């Protein structure tokens, strides 16, 4: 659903839709510095074939200074600046602000450092992991949606950036994302998703340039931590409490193959990411679930019943998929007064 396009930012900051070729601004750069390649990638919530979505590119001509470099304290401060920029955009749209999510930021720190040090952009890491699993491994219990952007000097010449230059980079990335136009507006939709309550920002400066991740989260529940690993075909108890004013619409178990290591070249060919294909649904539960089923290519998946009390406490037995895989367990909710406004409140990835 969310596609990306190529952006080139000129000296007047005019943003042009130029298709999918790598086109650089004509602004001059120092002779020993290659043009910075800056890309961004949103999550696709519907595409089961991310390779069909075109890349996005942002050309940001930026003279570099070898004498003044951003410190770790500067980077921490600028992560908060990005949160402020996000909230400015949300307030302009009439939305509530998002608050700092330390777990979400933690889940992306190693990933953005890997991107900056290896010169690639991808929602996948070199270990083949995606954002949902990284967030689970960091201790995250909410649903998470990732925006990614990088500015890379792939042909060398990068010697670090000052705090002011780094602020320019992240500010221009945020501006480009929020000014996206349909149908290529995945970043914008993520930033302005009304269901988001938190965000973690991870910013890294490495060998090839700068990488940033925005991890948006939905906190509407208190969940008992499920296991990070389990035996294929085993059963776990998933329980917790949904915030008042909301109702569980369904709990789903969908599997995908175990991740495999990826090369830099493979990662640069990836685009938007998604949850596992609905074809791989193996478990479905809802309140008063008897008589419901979901049809998949593998056959009908009959609904189990979720036990939910008047305070929103719930408990359900979840049989995990019977093969070595990643099992995504997802809780979908909706406001009591808007039952069709469904969204993910929680998602956990269990390695089998």
C-alpha atoms as a PDB file:
ATOM      1  CA  UNK A   1       0.000   0.000   0.000  1.00  0.00           C
ATOM      2  CA  UNK A   2       2.832   2.376   0.804  1.00  0.00           C
ATOM      3  CA  UNK A   3       5.194   3.120  -2.080  1.00  0.00           C
ATOM      4  CA  UNK A   4       8.272   5.278  -2.192  1.00  0.00           C
ATOM      5  CA  UNK A   5       9.583   7.652  -4.799  1.00  0.00           C
ATOM      6  CA  UNK A   6      12.761   9.504  -5.610  1.00  0.00           C
ATOM      7  CA  UNK A   7      13.223  12.955  -4.125  1.00  0.00           C
ATOM      8  CA  UNK A   8      15.923  15.437  -4.976  1.00  0.00           C
ATOM      9  CA  UNK A   9      16.243  18.546  -2.836  1.00  0.00           C
ATOM     10  CA  UNK A  10      17.677  21.527  -4.675  1.00  0.00           C
ATOM     11  CA  UNK A  11      19.257  24.652  -3.232  1.00  0.00           C
ATOM     12  CA  UNK A  12      15.823  26.228  -2.963  1.00  0.00           C
ATOM     13  CA  UNK A  13      14.535  23.121  -1.151  1.00  0.00           C
ATOM     14  CA  UNK A  14      12.091  22.502  -3.971  1.00  0.00           C
ATOM     15  CA  UNK A  15      11.075  18.830  -3.801  1.00  0.00           C
ATOM     16  CA  UNK A  16      10.626  17.167  -7.165  1.00  0.00           C
ATOM     17  CA  UNK A  17       9.115  13.781  -8.025  1.00  0.00           C
ATOM     18  CA  UNK A  18      11.668  12.345 -10.463  1.00  0.00           C
ATOM     19  CA  UNK A  19      10.806   8.659 -10.643  1.00  0.00           C
ATOM     20  CA  UNK A  20      13.225   5.926  -9.648  1.00  0.00           C
ATOM     21  CA  UNK A  21      16.615   6.950 -11.028  1.00  0.00           C
ATOM     22  CA  UNK A  22      19.471   8.102  -8.822  1.00  0.00           C
ATOM     23  CA  UNK A  23      19.727  11.799  -9.633  1.00  0.00           C
ATOM     24  CA  UNK A  24      21.918  14.160  -7.633  1.00  0.00           C
ATOM     25  CA  UNK A  25      21.488  17.868  -7.087  1.00  0.00           C
ATOM     26  CA  UNK A  26      23.786  20.139  -9.090  1.00  0.00           C
ATOM     27  CA  UNK A  27      25.031  21.929  -5.977  1.00  0.00           C
ATOM     28  CA  UNK A  28      28.852  21.747  -5.758  1.00  0.00           C
ATOM     29  CA  UNK A  29      30.595  19.458  -3.272  1.00  0.00           C
ATOM     30  CA  UNK A  30      34.236  19.421  -2.172  1.00  0.00           C
ATOM     31  CA  UNK A  31      36.281  17.505  -4.742  1.00  0.00           C
ATOM     32  CA  UNK A  32      37.164  14.666  -2.361  1.00  0.00           C
ATOM     33  CA  UNK A  33      33.571  14.004  -1.305  1.00  0.00           C
ATOM     34  CA  UNK A  34      31.144  11.851  -3.244  1.00  0.00           C
ATOM     35  CA  UNK A  35      27.473  12.892  -3.445  1.00  0.00           C
ATOM     36  CA  UNK A  36      25.598  11.705  -0.357  1.00  0.00           C
ATOM     37  CA  UNK A  37      23.049   8.994  -1.055  1.00  0.00           C
ATOM     38  CA  UNK A  38      20.090   9.408   1.258  1.00  0.00           C
ATOM     39  CA  UNK A  39      17.197   6.992   1.296  1.00  0.00           C
ATOM     40  CA  UNK A  40      14.134   6.298   3.365  1.00  0.00           C
ATOM     41  CA  UNK A  41      11.889   3.277   3.709  1.00  0.00           C
ATOM     42  CA  UNK A  42       8.424   2.965   5.278  1.00  0.00           C
ATOM     43  CA  UNK A  43       6.605  -0.133   6.370  1.00  0.00           C
ATOM     44  CA  UNK A  44       4.090  -1.599   3.950  1.00  0.00           C
ATOM     45  CA  UNK A  45       1.163  -3.075   5.861  1.00  0.00           C
ATOM     46  CA  UNK A  46      -0.408  -4.816   2.895  1.00  0.00           C
ATOM     47  CA  UNK A  47       2.221  -5.782   0.341  1.00  0.00           C
ATOM     48  CA  UNK A  48       3.270  -9.428   0.583  1.00  0.00           C
ATOM     49  CA  UNK A  49       5.951  -8.833  -2.061  1.00  0.00           C
ATOM     50  CA  UNK A  50       8.131  -5.923  -0.851  1.00  0.00           C
ATOM     51  CA  UNK A  51      10.447  -6.280  -3.866  1.00  0.00           C
ATOM     52  CA  UNK A  52       7.765  -4.774  -6.102  1.00  0.00           C
ATOM     53  CA  UNK A  53       7.862  -1.394  -4.336  1.00  0.00           C
ATOM     54  CA  UNK A  54      10.262   1.226  -5.767  1.00  0.00           C
ATOM     55  CA  UNK A  55      13.078   2.744  -3.731  1.00  0.00           C
ATOM     56  CA  UNK A  56      13.095   6.257  -2.338  1.00  0.00           C
ATOM     57  CA  UNK A  57      16.055   8.596  -2.532  1.00  0.00           C
ATOM     58  CA  UNK A  58      16.870  11.980  -1.029  1.00  0.00           C
ATOM     59  CA  UNK A  59      19.878  13.886  -2.355  1.00  0.00           C
ATOM     60  CA  UNK A  60      21.223  16.215   0.344  1.00  0.00           C
ATOM     61  CA  UNK A  61      24.348  18.089  -0.773  1.00  0.00           C
ATOM     62  CA  UNK A  62      26.264  18.789   2.413  1.00  0.00           C
ATOM     63  CA  UNK A  63      29.838  20.099   2.737  1.00  0.00           C
ATOM     64  CA  UNK A  64      31.642  18.185   5.462  1.00  0.00           C
ATOM     65  CA  UNK A  65      34.120  19.395   8.045  1.00  0.00           C
ATOM     66  CA  UNK A  66      36.822  17.054   9.389  1.00  0.00           C
ATOM     67  CA  UNK A  67      37.344  19.206  12.458  1.00  0.00           C
ATOM     68  CA  UNK A  68      33.975  19.297  14.215  1.00  0.00           C
ATOM     69  CA  UNK A  69      32.134  16.034  14.848  1.00  0.00           C
ATOM     70  CA  UNK A  70      28.903  15.252  16.659  1.00  0.00           C
ATOM     71  CA  UNK A  71      29.458  13.694  20.081  1.00  0.00           C
ATOM     72  CA  UNK A  72      27.342  10.913  21.642  1.00  0.00           C
ATOM     73  CA  UNK A  73      25.668  13.594  23.757  1.00  0.00           C
ATOM     74  CA  UNK A  74      24.855  15.550  20.584  1.00  0.00           C
ATOM     75  CA  UNK A  75      23.316  12.467  18.998  1.00  0.00           C
ATOM     76  CA  UNK A  76      21.154  11.826  22.070  1.00  0.00           C
ATOM     77  CA  UNK A  77      19.961  15.423  22.001  1.00  0.00           C
ATOM     78  CA  UNK A  78      19.173  15.268  18.290  1.00  0.00           C
ATOM     79  CA  UNK A  79      17.115  12.106  18.765  1.00  0.00           C
ATOM     80  CA  UNK A  80      14.890  14.194  21.013  1.00  0.00           C
ATOM     81  CA  UNK A  81      14.855  16.952  18.377  1.00  0.00           C
ATOM     82  CA  UNK A  82      13.423  14.407  15.923  1.00  0.00           C
ATOM     83  CA  UNK A  83      10.677  13.546  18.430  1.00  0.00           C
ATOM     84  CA  UNK A  84       9.867  17.256  18.688  1.00  0.00           C
ATOM     85  CA  UNK A  85       9.680  17.523  14.892  1.00  0.00           C
ATOM     86  CA  UNK A  86       7.364  14.499  14.766  1.00  0.00           C
ATOM     87  CA  UNK A  87       5.097  16.021  17.395  1.00  0.00           C
ATOM     88  CA  UNK A  88       5.020  19.376  15.603  1.00  0.00           C
ATOM     89  CA  UNK A  89       3.736  17.571  12.525  1.00  0.00           C
ATOM     90  CA  UNK A  90       1.200  15.596  14.540  1.00  0.00           C
ATOM     91  CA  UNK A  91      -0.124  18.717  16.305  1.00  0.00           C
ATOM     92  CA  UNK A  92      -0.515  20.498  12.964  1.00  0.00           C
ATOM     93  CA  UNK A  93      -2.681  17.566  11.870  1.00  0.00           C
ATOM     94  CA  UNK A  94      -4.798  17.792  15.024  1.00  0.00           C
ATOM     95  CA  UNK A  95      -3.350  14.614  16.548  1.00  0.00           C
ATOM     96  CA  UNK A  96      -2.080  13.915  20.037  1.00  0.00           C
ATOM     97  CA  UNK A  97       1.671  13.847  20.589  1.00  0.00           C
ATOM     98  CA  UNK A  98       3.725  10.673  20.936  1.00  0.00           C
ATOM     99  CA  UNK A  99       5.967  10.192  23.964  1.00  0.00           C
ATOM    100  CA  UNK A 100       9.483   8.800  24.134  1.00  0.00           C
ATOM    101  CA  UNK A 101       9.608   4.989  24.053  1.00  0.00           C
ATOM    102  CA  UNK A 102      12.973   3.869  25.411  1.00  0.00           C
ATOM    103  CA  UNK A 103      12.438   0.223  24.434  1.00  0.00           C
ATOM    104  CA  UNK A 104      11.573   1.148  20.854  1.00  0.00           C
ATOM    105  CA  UNK A 105      14.714   3.285  20.575  1.00  0.00           C
ATOM    106  CA  UNK A 106      16.819   0.504  22.089  1.00  0.00           C
ATOM    107  CA  UNK A 107      15.480  -2.004  19.564  1.00  0.00           C
ATOM    108  CA  UNK A 108      16.835   0.027  16.625  1.00  0.00           C
ATOM    109  CA  UNK A 109      20.212   1.250  17.921  1.00  0.00           C
ATOM    110  CA  UNK A 110      22.320  -1.671  16.750  1.00  0.00           C
ATOM    111  CA  UNK A 111      20.504  -1.744  13.422  1.00  0.00           C
ATOM    112  CA  UNK A 112      21.132   1.907  12.504  1.00  0.00           C
ATOM    113  CA  UNK A 113      24.774   1.576  13.581  1.00  0.00           C
ATOM    114  CA  UNK A 114      25.095  -1.450  11.304  1.00  0.00           C
ATOM    115  CA  UNK A 115      23.580   0.519   8.410  1.00  0.00           C
ATOM    116  CA  UNK A 116      25.892   3.501   8.949  1.00  0.00           C
ATOM    117  CA  UNK A 117      28.994   1.304   9.261  1.00  0.00           C
ATOM    118  CA  UNK A 118      28.201  -0.981   6.316  1.00  0.00           C
ATOM    119  CA  UNK A 119      26.645   1.496   3.907  1.00  0.00           C
ATOM    120  CA  UNK A 120      23.135   0.153   3.322  1.00  0.00           C
ATOM    121  CA  UNK A 121      19.497   0.887   4.053  1.00  0.00           C
ATOM    122  CA  UNK A 122      16.948  -1.802   4.843  1.00  0.00           C
ATOM    123  CA  UNK A 123      14.305  -2.708   7.381  1.00  0.00           C
ATOM    124  CA  UNK A 124      16.133  -6.045   7.488  1.00  0.00           C
ATOM    125  CA  UNK A 125      19.464  -6.418   9.291  1.00  0.00           C
ATOM    126  CA  UNK A 126      22.474  -8.430   8.155  1.00  0.00           C
ATOM    127  CA  UNK A 127      21.146 -11.226  10.369  1.00  0.00           C
ATOM    128  CA  UNK A 128      17.883 -11.164   8.390  1.00  0.00           C
ATOM    129  CA  UNK A 129      15.804  -9.834  11.289  1.00  0.00           C
ATOM    130  CA  UNK A 130      12.932  -7.375  10.762  1.00  0.00           C
ATOM    131  CA  UNK A 131      11.734  -4.556  13.085  1.00  0.00           C
ATOM    132  CA  UNK A 132       9.001  -6.582  14.793  1.00  0.00           C
ATOM    133  CA  UNK A 133      11.456  -9.241  15.965  1.00  0.00           C
ATOM    134  CA  UNK A 134      14.108  -6.702  16.983  1.00  0.00           C
ATOM    135  CA  UNK A 135      11.483  -4.935  19.092  1.00  0.00           C
ATOM    136  CA  UNK A 136      10.359  -8.187  20.727  1.00  0.00           C
ATOM    137  CA  UNK A 137      13.967  -9.133  21.531  1.00  0.00           C
ATOM    138  CA  UNK A 138      14.468  -5.711  23.150  1.00  0.00           C
ATOM    139  CA  UNK A 139      11.515  -6.390  25.459  1.00  0.00           C
ATOM    140  CA  UNK A 140       8.827  -4.581  23.484  1.00  0.00           C
ATOM    141  CA  UNK A 141       5.239  -5.666  24.094  1.00  0.00           C
ATOM    142  CA  UNK A 142       3.347  -3.186  21.910  1.00  0.00           C
ATOM    143  CA  UNK A 143       2.806  -3.040  18.154  1.00  0.00           C
ATOM    144  CA  UNK A 144       5.643  -1.260  16.311  1.00  0.00           C
ATOM    145  CA  UNK A 145       5.914   0.452  12.885  1.00  0.00           C
ATOM    146  CA  UNK A 146       9.269   1.632  11.523  1.00  0.00           C
ATOM    147  CA  UNK A 147      10.409   4.540   9.347  1.00  0.00           C
ATOM    148  CA  UNK A 148      14.004   4.323   8.056  1.00  0.00           C
ATOM    149  CA  UNK A 149      16.283   6.910   6.469  1.00  0.00           C
ATOM    150  CA  UNK A 150      19.989   7.150   5.725  1.00  0.00           C
ATOM    151  CA  UNK A 151      22.459   9.598   4.233  1.00  0.00           C
ATOM    152  CA  UNK A 152      25.442   7.651   2.893  1.00  0.00           C
ATOM    153  CA  UNK A 153      28.725   8.635   1.246  1.00  0.00           C
ATOM    154  CA  UNK A 154      29.203   5.324  -0.551  1.00  0.00           C
ATOM    155  CA  UNK A 155      32.178   6.450  -2.624  1.00  0.00           C
ATOM    156  CA  UNK A 156      34.237   7.593   0.362  1.00  0.00           C
ATOM    157  CA  UNK A 157      35.262  10.986   1.689  1.00  0.00           C
ATOM    158  CA  UNK A 158      33.045  10.824   4.779  1.00  0.00           C
ATOM    159  CA  UNK A 159      34.845  11.935   7.925  1.00  0.00           C
ATOM    160  CA  UNK A 160      31.933  12.576  10.250  1.00  0.00           C
ATOM    161  CA  UNK A 161      29.459  15.410  10.670  1.00  0.00           C
ATOM    162  CA  UNK A 162      29.099  18.257  13.110  1.00  0.00           C
ATOM    163  CA  UNK A 163      26.081  18.582  15.344  1.00  0.00           C
ATOM    164  CA  UNK A 164      24.710  21.331  13.103  1.00  0.00           C
ATOM    165  CA  UNK A 165      25.141  19.221   9.964  1.00  0.00           C
ATOM    166  CA  UNK A 166      23.523  16.239  11.621  1.00  0.00           C
ATOM    167  CA  UNK A 167      20.563  18.389  12.631  1.00  0.00           C
ATOM    168  CA  UNK A 168      20.248  19.505   9.008  1.00  0.00           C
ATOM    169  CA  UNK A 169      20.175  15.890   7.823  1.00  0.00           C
ATOM    170  CA  UNK A 170      17.493  14.678  10.256  1.00  0.00           C
ATOM    171  CA  UNK A 171      15.400  17.826   9.781  1.00  0.00           C
ATOM    172  CA  UNK A 172      15.408  17.414   6.001  1.00  0.00           C
ATOM    173  CA  UNK A 173      14.532  13.734   6.322  1.00  0.00           C
ATOM    174  CA  UNK A 174      11.557  14.566   8.529  1.00  0.00           C
ATOM    175  CA  UNK A 175      10.461  17.326   6.151  1.00  0.00           C
ATOM    176  CA  UNK A 176      10.676  15.035   3.130  1.00  0.00           C
ATOM    177  CA  UNK A 177       8.705  12.292   4.874  1.00  0.00           C
ATOM    178  CA  UNK A 178       5.899  14.530   6.133  1.00  0.00           C
ATOM    179  CA  UNK A 179       5.575  16.215   2.717  1.00  0.00           C
ATOM    180  CA  UNK A 180       5.111  12.960   0.808  1.00  0.00           C
ATOM    181  CA  UNK A 181       2.100  12.811  -1.489  1.00  0.00           C
ATOM    182  CA  UNK A 182      -0.265   9.869  -2.104  1.00  0.00           C
ATOM    183  CA  UNK A 183       0.159   7.148  -3.107  1.00  0.00           C
ATOM    184  CA  UNK A 184       3.845   7.378  -2.143  1.00  0.00           C
ATOM    185  CA  UNK A 185       3.276   8.577   1.408  1.00  0.00           C
ATOM    186  CA  UNK A 186       4.056   5.628   3.658  1.00  0.00           C
ATOM    187  CA  UNK A 187       6.332   7.618   5.987  1.00  0.00           C
ATOM    188  CA  UNK A 188       3.777  10.396   6.326  1.00  0.00           C
ATOM    189  CA  UNK A 189       0.986   7.965   7.159  1.00  0.00           C
ATOM    190  CA  UNK A 190       3.151   6.351   9.803  1.00  0.00           C
ATOM    191  CA  UNK A 191       4.036   9.716  11.371  1.00  0.00           C
ATOM    192  CA  UNK A 192       0.373  10.767  11.372  1.00  0.00           C
ATOM    193  CA  UNK A 193      -1.157   7.464  12.452  1.00  0.00           C
ATOM    194  CA  UNK A 194      -3.691   8.507  15.128  1.00  0.00           C
ATOM    195  CA  UNK A 195      -3.278   5.216  16.995  1.00  0.00           C
ATOM    196  CA  UNK A 196       0.415   5.752  17.794  1.00  0.00           C
ATOM    197  CA  UNK A 197       1.162   6.694  21.387  1.00  0.00           C
ATOM    198  CA  UNK A 198       4.961   6.416  21.510  1.00  0.00           C
ATOM    199  CA  UNK A 199       8.102   6.692  19.413  1.00  0.00           C
ATOM    200  CA  UNK A 200      11.715   5.738  19.814  1.00  0.00           C
ATOM    201  CA  UNK A 201      14.349   7.386  17.613  1.00  0.00           C
ATOM    202  CA  UNK A 202      17.752   5.811  16.984  1.00  0.00           C
ATOM    203  CA  UNK A 203      20.406   7.891  15.238  1.00  0.00           C
ATOM    204  CA  UNK A 204      23.890   6.669  14.320  1.00  0.00           C
ATOM    205  CA  UNK A 205      26.954   8.087  12.584  1.00  0.00           C
ATOM    206  CA  UNK A 206      29.257   5.437  11.130  1.00  0.00           C
ATOM    207  CA  UNK A 207      31.880   4.683   8.503  1.00  0.00           C
ATOM    208  CA  UNK A 208      29.632   5.520   5.530  1.00  0.00           C
ATOM    209  CA  UNK A 209      27.391   8.228   6.937  1.00  0.00           C
ATOM    210  CA  UNK A 210      24.224   8.684   8.970  1.00  0.00           C
ATOM    211  CA  UNK A 211      21.314   6.319   9.641  1.00  0.00           C
ATOM    212  CA  UNK A 212      18.071   7.027  11.484  1.00  0.00           C
ATOM    213  CA  UNK A 213      15.112   4.898  12.536  1.00  0.00           C
ATOM    214  CA  UNK A 214      11.763   6.056  13.899  1.00  0.00           C
ATOM    215  CA  UNK A 215       9.982   3.278  15.790  1.00  0.00           C
ATOM    216  CA  UNK A 216       6.313   4.166  16.403  1.00  0.00           C
ATOM    217  CA  UNK A 217       4.430   2.154  19.036  1.00  0.00           C
ATOM    218  CA  UNK A 218       0.833   1.591  20.151  1.00  0.00           C
ATOM    219  CA  UNK A 219       0.467   1.236  23.917  1.00  0.00           C
ATOM    220  CA  UNK A 220      -3.073   0.151  24.793  1.00  0.00           C
ATOM    221  CA  UNK A 221      -2.442  -2.893  26.953  1.00  0.00           C
ATOM    222  CA  UNK A 222      -0.465  -4.501  29.737  1.00  0.00           C
ATOM    223  CA  UNK A 223       0.675  -7.937  28.594  1.00  0.00           C
ATOM    224  CA  UNK A 224       2.364 -10.757  30.455  1.00  0.00           C
ATOM    225  CA  UNK A 225       5.704 -11.290  28.667  1.00  0.00           C
ATOM    226  CA  UNK A 226       5.418 -14.317  26.358  1.00  0.00           C
ATOM    227  CA  UNK A 227       8.506 -16.480  25.793  1.00  0.00           C
ATOM    228  CA  UNK A 228      11.095 -15.390  23.231  1.00  0.00           C
ATOM    229  CA  UNK A 229      11.590 -18.998  22.103  1.00  0.00           C
ATOM    230  CA  UNK A 230       9.444 -22.115  22.261  1.00  0.00           C
ATOM    231  CA  UNK A 231       9.171 -25.638  20.877  1.00  0.00           C
ATOM    232  CA  UNK A 232       7.334 -26.007  17.540  1.00  0.00           C
ATOM    233  CA  UNK A 233       3.771 -27.161  18.130  1.00  0.00           C
ATOM    234  CA  UNK A 234       3.782 -26.269  21.824  1.00  0.00           C
ATOM    235  CA  UNK A 235       1.055 -24.223  23.490  1.00  0.00           C
ATOM    236  CA  UNK A 236       1.526 -20.994  25.447  1.00  0.00           C
ATOM    237  CA  UNK A 237      -0.860 -18.921  27.542  1.00  0.00           C
ATOM    238  CA  UNK A 238      -1.220 -15.352  26.317  1.00  0.00           C
ATOM    239  CA  UNK A 239      -2.790 -13.042  28.874  1.00  0.00           C
ATOM    240  CA  UNK A 240      -2.973  -9.394  29.811  1.00  0.00           C
ATOM    241  CA  UNK A 241      -5.296  -6.420  30.088  1.00  0.00           C
ATOM    242  CA  UNK A 242      -6.627  -4.093  27.386  1.00  0.00           C
ATOM    243  CA  UNK A 243      -7.145  -0.424  28.271  1.00  0.00           C
ATOM    244  CA  UNK A 244     -10.665   0.599  29.188  1.00  0.00           C
ATOM    245  CA  UNK A 245     -12.664   1.969  26.290  1.00  0.00           C
ATOM    246  CA  UNK A 246     -11.261  -0.650  23.882  1.00  0.00           C
ATOM    247  CA  UNK A 247     -12.280  -4.166  22.933  1.00  0.00           C
ATOM    248  CA  UNK A 248     -10.309  -7.072  21.510  1.00  0.00           C
ATOM    249  CA  UNK A 249     -11.370  -7.817  17.942  1.00  0.00           C
ATOM    250  CA  UNK A 250      -9.058 -10.760  17.401  1.00  0.00           C
ATOM    251  CA  UNK A 251      -5.797 -12.462  18.268  1.00  0.00           C
ATOM    252  CA  UNK A 252      -3.850 -13.979  15.392  1.00  0.00           C
ATOM    253  CA  UNK A 253      -0.923 -16.335  14.945  1.00  0.00           C
ATOM    254  CA  UNK A 254       0.871 -16.031  11.591  1.00  0.00           C
ATOM    255  CA  UNK A 255       4.232 -17.615  10.802  1.00  0.00           C
ATOM    256  CA  UNK A 256       7.129 -16.906   8.460  1.00  0.00           C
ATOM    257  CA  UNK A 257      10.392 -18.692   7.723  1.00  0.00           C
ATOM    258  CA  UNK A 258      13.357 -18.266  10.034  1.00  0.00           C
ATOM    259  CA  UNK A 259      15.588 -15.332   9.049  1.00  0.00           C
ATOM    260  CA  UNK A 260      18.779 -15.961   7.103  1.00  0.00           C
ATOM    261  CA  UNK A 261      21.917 -13.776   6.968  1.00  0.00           C
ATOM    262  CA  UNK A 262      21.858 -11.187   4.184  1.00  0.00           C
ATOM    263  CA  UNK A 263      24.664  -9.442   2.341  1.00  0.00           C
ATOM    264  CA  UNK A 264      24.894  -5.701   1.910  1.00  0.00           C
ATOM    265  CA  UNK A 265      23.970  -6.112  -1.755  1.00  0.00           C
ATOM    266  CA  UNK A 266      20.867  -8.123  -0.870  1.00  0.00           C
ATOM    267  CA  UNK A 267      19.830  -5.585   1.744  1.00  0.00           C
ATOM    268  CA  UNK A 268      20.105  -2.713  -0.724  1.00  0.00           C
ATOM    269  CA  UNK A 269      17.566  -4.519  -2.928  1.00  0.00           C
ATOM    270  CA  UNK A 270      14.919  -4.666  -0.191  1.00  0.00           C
ATOM    271  CA  UNK A 271      12.125  -2.167   0.042  1.00  0.00           C
ATOM    272  CA  UNK A 272       9.079  -1.922   2.311  1.00  0.00           C
ATOM    273  CA  UNK A 273       8.380  -4.680   4.822  1.00  0.00           C
ATOM    274  CA  UNK A 274       5.202  -6.319   6.047  1.00  0.00           C
ATOM    275  CA  UNK A 275       3.836  -8.845   8.484  1.00  0.00           C
ATOM    276  CA  UNK A 276       3.832 -12.481   7.314  1.00  0.00           C
ATOM    277  CA  UNK A 277       1.397 -13.357   4.572  1.00  0.00           C
ATOM    278  CA  UNK A 278      -2.178 -13.969   5.731  1.00  0.00           C
ATOM    279  CA  UNK A 279      -1.860 -17.266   3.850  1.00  0.00           C
ATOM    280  CA  UNK A 280       0.284 -18.414   6.804  1.00  0.00           C
ATOM    281  CA  UNK A 281      -2.397 -17.852   9.428  1.00  0.00           C
ATOM    282  CA  UNK A 282      -2.530 -20.836  11.786  1.00  0.00           C
ATOM    283  CA  UNK A 283      -4.384 -19.464  14.835  1.00  0.00           C
ATOM    284  CA  UNK A 284      -7.340 -17.121  15.246  1.00  0.00           C
ATOM    285  CA  UNK A 285      -9.265 -16.188  18.383  1.00  0.00           C
ATOM    286  CA  UNK A 286     -11.954 -13.660  19.284  1.00  0.00           C
ATOM    287  CA  UNK A 287     -14.432 -13.090  22.100  1.00  0.00           C
ATOM    288  CA  UNK A 288     -17.346 -15.487  21.641  1.00  0.00           C
ATOM    289  CA  UNK A 289     -15.396 -17.010  18.794  1.00  0.00           C
ATOM    290  CA  UNK A 290     -17.460 -20.148  18.352  1.00  0.00           C
ATOM    291  CA  UNK A 291     -18.765 -20.503  14.806  1.00  0.00           C
ATOM    292  CA  UNK A 292     -16.259 -18.143  13.215  1.00  0.00           C
ATOM    293  CA  UNK A 293     -13.496 -19.163  10.855  1.00  0.00           C
ATOM    294  CA  UNK A 294     -11.018 -17.609   8.433  1.00  0.00           C
ATOM    295  CA  UNK A 295     -10.380 -19.285   5.099  1.00  0.00           C
ATOM    296  CA  UNK A 296      -6.735 -19.677   4.000  1.00  0.00           C
ATOM    297  CA  UNK A 297      -5.094 -21.606   1.135  1.00  0.00           C
ATOM    298  CA  UNK A 298      -4.237 -24.287   3.699  1.00  0.00           C
ATOM    299  CA  UNK A 299      -7.864 -24.616   4.801  1.00  0.00           C
ATOM    300  CA  UNK A 300     -10.215 -22.931   7.241  1.00  0.00           C
ATOM    301  CA  UNK A 301      -8.812 -21.738  10.578  1.00  0.00           C
ATOM    302  CA  UNK A 302     -11.583 -21.965  13.171  1.00  0.00           C
ATOM    303  CA  UNK A 303     -11.754 -19.303  15.842  1.00  0.00           C
ATOM    304  CA  UNK A 304     -10.897 -20.083  19.454  1.00  0.00           C
ATOM    305  CA  UNK A 305     -12.615 -18.186  22.236  1.00  0.00           C
ATOM    306  CA  UNK A 306     -10.892 -15.444  24.248  1.00  0.00           C
ATOM    307  CA  UNK A 307     -11.849 -15.133  27.893  1.00  0.00           C
ATOM    308  CA  UNK A 308     -12.292 -11.396  28.628  1.00  0.00           C
ATOM    309  CA  UNK A 309     -13.798  -9.903  31.813  1.00  0.00           C
ATOM    310  CA  UNK A 310     -15.456  -6.531  32.347  1.00  0.00           C
ATOM    311  CA  UNK A 311     -12.121  -4.888  33.251  1.00  0.00           C
ATOM    312  CA  UNK A 312     -10.479  -5.966  29.997  1.00  0.00           C
ATOM    313  CA  UNK A 313      -8.428  -8.837  31.465  1.00  0.00           C
ATOM    314  CA  UNK A 314      -8.040 -11.639  28.948  1.00  0.00           C
ATOM    315  CA  UNK A 315      -6.466 -15.052  28.634  1.00  0.00           C
ATOM    316  CA  UNK A 316      -6.173 -17.463  25.717  1.00  0.00           C
ATOM    317  CA  UNK A 317      -4.295 -20.674  24.970  1.00  0.00           C
ATOM    318  CA  UNK A 318      -2.281 -20.314  21.756  1.00  0.00           C
ATOM    319  CA  UNK A 319      -1.012 -23.426  19.929  1.00  0.00           C
ATOM    320  CA  UNK A 320       2.151 -22.370  18.098  1.00  0.00           C
ATOM    321  CA  UNK A 321       2.954 -23.376  14.534  1.00  0.00           C
ATOM    322  CA  UNK A 322       4.344 -26.890  14.172  1.00  0.00           C
ATOM    323  CA  UNK A 323       7.546 -26.045  12.314  1.00  0.00           C
ATOM    324  CA  UNK A 324      10.784 -24.162  12.960  1.00  0.00           C
ATOM    325  CA  UNK A 325       9.717 -20.626  12.108  1.00  0.00           C
ATOM    326  CA  UNK A 326       9.007 -17.175  13.519  1.00  0.00           C
ATOM    327  CA  UNK A 327       5.499 -17.061  14.967  1.00  0.00           C
ATOM    328  CA  UNK A 328       3.898 -13.590  15.038  1.00  0.00           C
ATOM    329  CA  UNK A 329       1.183 -13.267  17.696  1.00  0.00           C
ATOM    330  CA  UNK A 330      -0.884 -10.131  17.169  1.00  0.00           C
ATOM    331  CA  UNK A 331      -3.664  -8.549  19.239  1.00  0.00           C
ATOM    332  CA  UNK A 332      -6.108  -6.394  17.284  1.00  0.00           C
ATOM    333  CA  UNK A 333      -8.431  -3.985  19.115  1.00  0.00           C
ATOM    334  CA  UNK A 334     -10.937  -1.215  18.400  1.00  0.00           C
ATOM    335  CA  UNK A 335     -12.579   1.561  20.441  1.00  0.00           C
ATOM    336  CA  UNK A 336     -15.889   0.525  21.982  1.00  0.00           C
ATOM    337  CA  UNK A 337     -17.632   3.381  20.163  1.00  0.00           C
ATOM    338  CA  UNK A 338     -15.870   2.725  16.829  1.00  0.00           C
ATOM    339  CA  UNK A 339     -15.772  -1.042  16.319  1.00  0.00           C
ATOM    340  CA  UNK A 340     -14.597  -0.700  12.705  1.00  0.00           C
ATOM    341  CA  UNK A 341     -11.544   1.376  13.669  1.00  0.00           C
ATOM    342  CA  UNK A 342      -9.353  -1.680  14.211  1.00  0.00           C
ATOM    343  CA  UNK A 343      -5.604  -1.547  14.789  1.00  0.00           C
ATOM    344  CA  UNK A 344      -2.820  -3.566  16.374  1.00  0.00           C
ATOM    345  CA  UNK A 345      -2.307  -3.058  20.106  1.00  0.00           C
ATOM    346  CA  UNK A 346       0.408  -5.649  20.564  1.00  0.00           C
ATOM    347  CA  UNK A 347       2.609  -7.991  18.551  1.00  0.00           C
ATOM    348  CA  UNK A 348       5.214 -10.522  19.675  1.00  0.00           C
ATOM    349  CA  UNK A 349       7.552 -12.648  17.603  1.00  0.00           C
ATOM    350  CA  UNK A 350       8.438 -16.071  19.021  1.00  0.00           C
ATOM    351  CA  UNK A 351      11.267 -18.117  17.525  1.00  0.00           C
ATOM    352  CA  UNK A 352      10.470 -21.810  17.207  1.00  0.00           C
END
